[in-house]
Amino acid sequence: MSLAKVIEVIAEGETIEKAMENAASQASKTVKNIKSINCENIQALVENNYVKKYRVNAKVTFVLEN
């Protein structure tokens, strides 16, 4: 039997996809066996009436080692 754990992270990027990739790559520096990223919330950071960055609240699911 395997056991999974979920942590929540906040990441930014120039696109929504890049923000999600950043969530995975940054989390993988300390967490192993990442299986999925679930984006809970997306925000657009606006500066001078222009979207500068996107921020995602992402749930990272990973399998715990035995």
Protein backbone atom coordinates (compact mmCIF):
# COMPACT_ATOMS: atom_id res chain seq x y z
CA MET A 1 0.00 0.00 0.00
CA SER A 2 1.27 3.48 -0.80
CA LEU A 3 0.52 6.68 1.05
CA ALA A 4 0.27 10.12 -0.54
CA LYS A 5 0.62 13.54 1.02
CA VAL A 6 -0.52 16.96 -0.18
CA ILE A 7 1.16 20.30 0.50
CA GLU A 8 0.04 23.74 -0.65
CA VAL A 9 2.44 26.16 -2.32
CA ILE A 10 2.16 29.57 -3.94
CA ALA A 11 4.17 30.19 -7.11
CA GLU A 12 4.50 32.95 -9.70
CA GLY A 13 5.29 33.02 -13.39
CA GLU A 14 4.89 35.07 -16.55
CA THR A 15 2.15 32.67 -17.70
CA ILE A 16 -0.20 30.39 -15.78
CA GLU A 17 1.65 27.38 -17.16
CA LYS A 18 5.01 28.80 -16.05
CA ALA A 19 3.63 29.48 -12.57
CA MET A 20 2.55 25.83 -12.31
CA GLU A 21 5.93 24.65 -13.63
CA ASN A 22 7.64 26.83 -11.02
CA ALA A 23 5.47 25.29 -8.29
CA ALA A 24 6.58 21.80 -9.36
CA SER A 25 10.26 22.63 -9.86
CA GLN A 26 10.62 24.56 -6.60
CA ALA A 27 8.74 21.93 -4.56
CA SER A 28 10.88 19.18 -6.09
CA LYS A 29 13.96 20.70 -4.45
CA THR A 30 12.78 19.38 -1.07
CA VAL A 31 9.97 16.93 -1.94
CA LYS A 32 10.46 13.70 -3.89
CA ASN A 33 7.98 11.52 -5.82
CA ILE A 34 5.69 14.38 -6.94
CA LYS A 35 2.75 12.92 -8.86
CA SER A 36 0.45 15.89 -9.55
CA ILE A 37 -0.19 19.60 -9.16
CA ASN A 38 -3.75 20.82 -8.61
CA CYS A 39 -4.23 24.54 -9.19
CA GLU A 40 -6.73 25.88 -6.63
CA ASN A 41 -6.62 29.59 -7.37
CA ILE A 42 -5.19 31.81 -10.10
CA GLN A 43 -4.40 35.48 -9.64
CA ALA A 44 -3.18 38.04 -12.16
CA LEU A 45 -0.83 40.68 -10.76
CA VAL A 46 -1.56 43.97 -12.52
CA GLU A 47 0.79 46.92 -12.86
CA ASN A 48 -0.08 50.05 -14.87
CA ASN A 49 -3.20 48.33 -16.25
CA TYR A 50 -1.10 45.44 -17.60
CA VAL A 51 -0.87 41.89 -16.32
CA LYS A 52 2.74 41.46 -15.19
CA LYS A 53 2.66 38.01 -13.55
CA TYR A 54 0.37 35.18 -12.61
CA ARG A 55 0.24 33.60 -9.18
CA VAL A 56 -1.21 30.16 -8.44
CA ASN A 57 -2.12 28.45 -5.21
CA ALA A 58 -1.23 24.86 -6.03
CA LYS A 59 -1.68 21.63 -4.13
CA VAL A 60 1.30 19.33 -4.72
CA THR A 61 0.63 15.61 -4.28
CA PHE A 62 3.52 13.24 -3.67
CA VAL A 63 3.91 9.60 -2.62
CA LEU A 64 5.69 8.90 0.65
CA GLU A 65 8.55 6.42 0.61
CA ASN A 66 8.36 3.28 2.74
